[in-house]
């Protein structure tokens, strides 16, 4: 499979692994948009959130709770933003489900 994030999870492309377990991996975004900008991805390939079903409910729950734990580890007590871009119009640029964890500055609204 020619997926950037699958190549990262397999170790073909090296990254600084800030969190890893059997199902998830977190690492810094290569193009940070905030002082803290991490990506949290499932190791299993899903093209986007739109390609998941209720069968992935447990994994999706882990994705969110792990994001919150990583935010605590990153000392983002004053707040942070989680973003899941889905599809072309949603701004998704890598075809693998991922959560952006952004923090370390005040976030404005609307975001985009």
N, C-alpha and C. Protein backbone atom coordinates (compact mmCIF):
# COMPACT_ATOMS: atom_id res chain seq x y z
N UNK A 1 0.85 -1.18 0.00
CA UNK A 1 0.00 0.00 0.00
C UNK A 1 0.89 1.24 0.00
N UNK A 2 0.55 2.23 -0.79
CA UNK A 2 1.34 3.44 -0.88
C UNK A 2 0.67 4.56 -0.07
N UNK A 3 0.61 4.35 1.24
CA UNK A 3 -0.01 5.32 2.14
C UNK A 3 1.07 5.87 3.06
N UNK A 4 1.20 7.19 3.09
CA UNK A 4 2.21 7.83 3.92
C UNK A 4 2.14 7.37 5.36
N UNK A 5 0.94 7.39 5.96
CA UNK A 5 0.83 7.05 7.36
C UNK A 5 1.01 5.56 7.61
N UNK A 6 0.64 4.70 6.66
CA UNK A 6 0.92 3.27 6.80
C UNK A 6 2.43 3.04 6.77
N UNK A 7 3.14 3.79 5.93
CA UNK A 7 4.60 3.68 5.90
C UNK A 7 5.23 4.17 7.20
N UNK A 8 4.61 5.15 7.83
CA UNK A 8 5.09 5.62 9.14
C UNK A 8 4.84 4.55 10.20
N UNK A 9 3.64 3.98 10.23
CA UNK A 9 3.37 2.96 11.26
C UNK A 9 4.26 1.73 11.09
N UNK A 10 4.59 1.39 9.86
CA UNK A 10 5.45 0.22 9.63
C UNK A 10 6.92 0.49 9.94
N UNK A 11 7.27 1.77 10.09
CA UNK A 11 8.66 2.13 10.35
C UNK A 11 9.45 2.43 9.10
N UNK A 12 8.84 2.29 7.92
CA UNK A 12 9.53 2.59 6.67
C UNK A 12 9.93 4.07 6.62
N UNK A 13 9.06 4.93 7.12
CA UNK A 13 9.35 6.36 7.24
C UNK A 13 9.49 6.66 8.73
N UNK A 14 10.66 7.13 9.17
CA UNK A 14 10.87 7.37 10.60
C UNK A 14 10.19 8.67 11.05
N UNK A 15 9.67 8.62 12.27
CA UNK A 15 9.10 9.79 12.94
C UNK A 15 9.47 9.71 14.42
N UNK A 16 9.32 10.81 15.11
CA UNK A 16 9.46 10.81 16.56
C UNK A 16 8.15 10.30 17.14
N UNK A 17 8.19 9.12 17.70
CA UNK A 17 6.98 8.48 18.23
C UNK A 17 6.75 8.97 19.66
N UNK A 18 5.75 9.82 19.82
CA UNK A 18 5.44 10.38 21.13
C UNK A 18 4.52 9.48 21.94
N UNK A 19 3.76 8.66 21.27
CA UNK A 19 2.87 7.68 21.91
C UNK A 19 2.69 6.54 20.92
N UNK A 20 2.65 5.34 21.46
CA UNK A 20 2.37 4.18 20.62
C UNK A 20 1.82 3.06 21.48
N UNK A 21 0.78 2.43 20.97
CA UNK A 21 0.30 1.20 21.56
C UNK A 21 -0.07 0.26 20.42
N UNK A 22 -0.78 -0.79 20.71
CA UNK A 22 -1.12 -1.79 19.71
C UNK A 22 -1.94 -1.21 18.55
N UNK A 23 -2.75 -0.19 18.84
CA UNK A 23 -3.70 0.32 17.85
C UNK A 23 -3.43 1.72 17.32
N UNK A 24 -2.67 2.53 18.07
CA UNK A 24 -2.52 3.95 17.74
C UNK A 24 -1.07 4.39 17.77
N UNK A 25 -0.81 5.48 17.06
CA UNK A 25 0.52 6.09 17.02
C UNK A 25 0.35 7.60 16.99
N UNK A 26 1.17 8.31 17.75
CA UNK A 26 1.15 9.78 17.75
C UNK A 26 2.55 10.31 17.47
N UNK A 27 2.61 11.36 16.67
CA UNK A 27 3.89 11.96 16.29
C UNK A 27 3.67 13.41 15.90
N UNK A 28 4.73 14.24 15.89
CA UNK A 28 4.59 15.65 15.53
C UNK A 28 4.21 15.81 14.05
N UNK A 29 3.37 16.81 13.77
CA UNK A 29 3.03 17.15 12.39
C UNK A 29 4.25 17.78 11.74
N UNK A 30 4.52 17.42 10.50
CA UNK A 30 5.69 17.95 9.78
C UNK A 30 5.52 19.42 9.41
N UNK A 31 4.27 19.90 9.41
CA UNK A 31 3.97 21.30 9.07
C UNK A 31 3.10 21.90 10.17
N UNK A 32 3.69 22.16 11.35
CA UNK A 32 2.88 22.57 12.50
C UNK A 32 2.16 23.90 12.29
N UNK A 33 0.90 23.93 12.75
CA UNK A 33 0.07 25.13 12.67
C UNK A 33 -0.15 25.75 14.04
N UNK A 34 0.50 25.22 15.06
CA UNK A 34 0.42 25.72 16.43
C UNK A 34 1.70 25.27 17.15
N UNK A 35 2.01 25.88 18.29
CA UNK A 35 3.21 25.44 19.02
C UNK A 35 3.23 23.94 19.31
N UNK A 36 2.08 23.37 19.61
CA UNK A 36 1.93 21.92 19.71
C UNK A 36 1.00 21.49 18.58
N UNK A 37 1.48 20.65 17.69
CA UNK A 37 0.66 20.12 16.60
C UNK A 37 1.10 18.69 16.36
N UNK A 38 0.29 17.78 16.89
CA UNK A 38 0.58 16.36 16.77
C UNK A 38 -0.49 15.67 15.95
N UNK A 39 -0.13 14.54 15.39
CA UNK A 39 -1.08 13.69 14.68
C UNK A 39 -1.22 12.39 15.45
N UNK A 40 -2.46 11.95 15.63
CA UNK A 40 -2.75 10.68 16.27
C UNK A 40 -3.48 9.84 15.23
N UNK A 41 -2.93 8.68 14.91
CA UNK A 41 -3.48 7.86 13.83
C UNK A 41 -3.73 6.44 14.30
N UNK A 42 -4.75 5.80 13.74
CA UNK A 42 -4.88 4.36 13.97
C UNK A 42 -3.85 3.63 13.11
N UNK A 43 -3.31 2.56 13.61
CA UNK A 43 -2.37 1.77 12.81
C UNK A 43 -3.08 1.04 11.68
N UNK A 44 -4.33 0.70 11.90
CA UNK A 44 -5.13 0.09 10.84
C UNK A 44 -5.53 1.17 9.85
N UNK A 45 -5.46 0.86 8.58
CA UNK A 45 -5.77 1.85 7.55
C UNK A 45 -7.27 2.02 7.36
N UNK A 46 -7.71 3.27 7.51
CA UNK A 46 -9.04 3.73 7.11
C UNK A 46 -8.79 4.98 6.31
N UNK A 47 -9.35 5.07 5.12
CA UNK A 47 -9.09 6.23 4.26
C UNK A 47 -9.52 7.53 4.90
N UNK A 48 -10.60 7.50 5.68
CA UNK A 48 -11.08 8.69 6.38
C UNK A 48 -12.08 8.26 7.43
N UNK A 49 -12.56 9.20 8.21
CA UNK A 49 -13.61 8.90 9.17
C UNK A 49 -14.85 8.37 8.46
N UNK A 50 -15.11 8.86 7.25
CA UNK A 50 -16.27 8.42 6.48
C UNK A 50 -16.20 6.94 6.11
N UNK A 51 -15.02 6.34 6.22
CA UNK A 51 -14.84 4.94 5.87
C UNK A 51 -14.87 4.03 7.11
N UNK A 52 -15.34 4.55 8.23
CA UNK A 52 -15.49 3.73 9.43
C UNK A 52 -16.97 3.43 9.65
N UNK A 53 -17.23 2.43 10.46
CA UNK A 53 -18.61 2.04 10.80
C UNK A 53 -18.68 1.86 12.31
N UNK A 54 -19.83 1.46 12.78
CA UNK A 54 -20.00 1.21 14.21
C UNK A 54 -19.07 0.09 14.69
N UNK A 55 -18.58 -0.72 13.79
CA UNK A 55 -17.62 -1.77 14.17
C UNK A 55 -16.32 -1.17 14.71
N UNK A 56 -16.03 0.06 14.36
CA UNK A 56 -14.81 0.72 14.82
C UNK A 56 -15.06 1.63 16.03
N UNK A 57 -16.21 1.53 16.65
CA UNK A 57 -16.55 2.42 17.77
C UNK A 57 -15.50 2.39 18.88
N UNK A 58 -15.05 1.21 19.24
CA UNK A 58 -14.05 1.11 20.32
C UNK A 58 -12.75 1.79 19.91
N UNK A 59 -12.29 1.55 18.71
CA UNK A 59 -11.07 2.17 18.22
C UNK A 59 -11.22 3.69 18.16
N UNK A 60 -12.35 4.18 17.68
CA UNK A 60 -12.57 5.62 17.60
C UNK A 60 -12.63 6.24 18.99
N UNK A 61 -13.20 5.53 19.94
CA UNK A 61 -13.19 6.00 21.33
C UNK A 61 -11.77 6.09 21.87
N UNK A 62 -10.97 5.08 21.57
CA UNK A 62 -9.56 5.10 21.99
C UNK A 62 -8.81 6.26 21.35
N UNK A 63 -9.15 6.56 20.10
CA UNK A 63 -8.50 7.67 19.40
C UNK A 63 -8.75 8.98 20.15
N UNK A 64 -9.97 9.19 20.60
CA UNK A 64 -10.30 10.43 21.32
C UNK A 64 -9.74 10.44 22.74
N UNK A 65 -9.88 9.35 23.48
CA UNK A 65 -9.37 9.35 24.84
C UNK A 65 -7.84 9.41 24.88
N UNK A 66 -7.20 8.79 23.91
CA UNK A 66 -5.74 8.88 23.82
C UNK A 66 -5.32 10.29 23.47
N UNK A 67 -6.08 10.96 22.61
CA UNK A 67 -5.79 12.36 22.28
C UNK A 67 -5.84 13.22 23.53
N UNK A 68 -6.83 12.99 24.38
CA UNK A 68 -6.95 13.75 25.62
C UNK A 68 -5.77 13.45 26.56
N UNK A 69 -5.36 12.19 26.64
CA UNK A 69 -4.22 11.83 27.48
C UNK A 69 -2.94 12.48 26.97
N UNK A 70 -2.74 12.48 25.67
CA UNK A 70 -1.55 13.11 25.10
C UNK A 70 -1.59 14.61 25.36
N UNK A 71 -2.76 15.23 25.26
CA UNK A 71 -2.89 16.67 25.56
C UNK A 71 -2.45 16.95 27.01
N UNK A 72 -2.84 16.09 27.94
CA UNK A 72 -2.40 16.25 29.34
C UNK A 72 -0.88 16.12 29.44
N UNK A 73 -0.32 15.13 28.74
CA UNK A 73 1.13 14.92 28.77
C UNK A 73 1.87 16.12 28.16
N UNK A 74 1.24 16.79 27.21
CA UNK A 74 1.84 17.95 26.55
C UNK A 74 1.58 19.25 27.32
N UNK A 75 0.96 19.15 28.49
CA UNK A 75 0.70 20.29 29.37
C UNK A 75 -0.21 21.33 28.72
N UNK A 76 -1.26 20.86 28.07
CA UNK A 76 -2.21 21.75 27.39
C UNK A 76 -3.44 21.98 28.26
N UNK A 77 -3.22 22.25 29.55
CA UNK A 77 -4.32 22.39 30.51
C UNK A 77 -5.25 23.56 30.20
N UNK A 78 -4.76 24.58 29.51
CA UNK A 78 -5.62 25.74 29.22
C UNK A 78 -6.47 25.53 27.97
N UNK A 79 -6.28 24.40 27.28
CA UNK A 79 -7.12 24.06 26.14
C UNK A 79 -6.34 23.61 24.93
N UNK A 80 -7.07 22.98 24.04
CA UNK A 80 -6.49 22.47 22.80
C UNK A 80 -7.63 22.22 21.84
N UNK A 81 -7.28 21.94 20.60
CA UNK A 81 -8.29 21.65 19.58
C UNK A 81 -7.95 20.31 18.94
N UNK A 82 -8.99 19.48 18.74
CA UNK A 82 -8.87 18.25 17.97
C UNK A 82 -9.58 18.47 16.65
N UNK A 83 -8.94 18.09 15.55
CA UNK A 83 -9.51 18.27 14.22
C UNK A 83 -9.39 16.96 13.46
N UNK A 84 -10.50 16.55 12.83
CA UNK A 84 -10.49 15.41 11.92
C UNK A 84 -11.01 15.91 10.59
N UNK A 85 -10.13 16.12 9.64
CA UNK A 85 -10.53 16.53 8.29
C UNK A 85 -10.97 15.28 7.54
N UNK A 86 -12.09 15.38 6.85
CA UNK A 86 -12.64 14.22 6.14
C UNK A 86 -12.97 14.58 4.71
N UNK A 87 -12.29 13.93 3.78
CA UNK A 87 -12.54 14.15 2.36
C UNK A 87 -11.92 15.44 1.84
N UNK A 88 -11.93 15.57 0.54
CA UNK A 88 -11.32 16.71 -0.14
C UNK A 88 -11.89 18.04 0.36
N UNK A 89 -13.21 18.16 0.36
CA UNK A 89 -13.82 19.42 0.79
C UNK A 89 -13.62 19.69 2.27
N UNK A 90 -13.35 18.66 3.04
CA UNK A 90 -13.08 18.82 4.47
C UNK A 90 -11.64 19.17 4.77
N UNK A 91 -10.81 19.24 3.73
CA UNK A 91 -9.41 19.62 3.91
C UNK A 91 -8.47 18.45 4.17
N UNK A 92 -8.93 17.22 3.98
CA UNK A 92 -8.06 16.07 4.21
C UNK A 92 -7.04 15.97 3.08
N UNK A 93 -5.75 15.91 3.45
CA UNK A 93 -4.70 15.83 2.44
C UNK A 93 -3.95 14.50 2.45
N UNK A 94 -4.10 13.72 3.52
CA UNK A 94 -3.51 12.39 3.58
C UNK A 94 -4.65 11.40 3.73
N UNK A 95 -4.72 10.42 2.84
CA UNK A 95 -5.82 9.47 2.81
C UNK A 95 -5.72 8.38 3.84
N UNK A 96 -5.59 8.77 5.10
CA UNK A 96 -5.55 7.85 6.24
C UNK A 96 -6.14 8.61 7.41
N UNK A 97 -7.13 8.05 8.07
CA UNK A 97 -7.77 8.71 9.21
C UNK A 97 -6.73 9.19 10.21
N UNK A 98 -6.86 10.45 10.62
CA UNK A 98 -5.96 10.99 11.63
C UNK A 98 -6.62 12.16 12.35
N UNK A 99 -6.19 12.35 13.59
CA UNK A 99 -6.64 13.46 14.43
C UNK A 99 -5.47 14.42 14.56
N UNK A 100 -5.75 15.71 14.33
CA UNK A 100 -4.78 16.76 14.63
C UNK A 100 -5.03 17.23 16.05
N UNK A 101 -4.00 17.26 16.87
CA UNK A 101 -4.05 17.83 18.21
C UNK A 101 -3.25 19.12 18.17
N UNK A 102 -3.95 20.24 18.32
CA UNK A 102 -3.32 21.56 18.26
C UNK A 102 -3.46 22.27 19.59
N UNK A 103 -2.41 22.89 20.05
CA UNK A 103 -2.47 23.62 21.31
C UNK A 103 -1.26 24.52 21.48
N UNK A 104 -1.21 25.15 22.64
CA UNK A 104 -0.10 26.03 22.94
C UNK A 104 -0.34 27.47 22.54
N UNK A 105 -1.52 27.77 22.04
CA UNK A 105 -1.92 29.14 21.70
C UNK A 105 -3.44 29.20 21.71
N UNK A 106 -3.96 30.41 21.72
CA UNK A 106 -5.40 30.59 21.68
C UNK A 106 -5.90 30.24 20.27
N UNK A 107 -6.95 29.44 20.20
CA UNK A 107 -7.55 29.06 18.92
C UNK A 107 -8.70 30.01 18.60
N UNK A 108 -8.80 30.42 17.36
CA UNK A 108 -9.88 31.32 16.95
C UNK A 108 -10.98 30.55 16.27
N UNK A 109 -12.12 31.21 16.07
CA UNK A 109 -13.27 30.60 15.42
C UNK A 109 -13.88 31.62 14.49
N UNK A 110 -14.31 31.29 13.30
CA UNK A 110 -14.28 29.94 12.73
C UNK A 110 -12.86 29.56 12.30
N UNK A 111 -12.58 28.25 12.29
CA UNK A 111 -11.24 27.79 11.99
C UNK A 111 -10.84 27.85 10.52
N UNK A 112 -11.79 27.81 9.59
CA UNK A 112 -11.36 27.76 8.20
C UNK A 112 -12.33 28.16 7.27
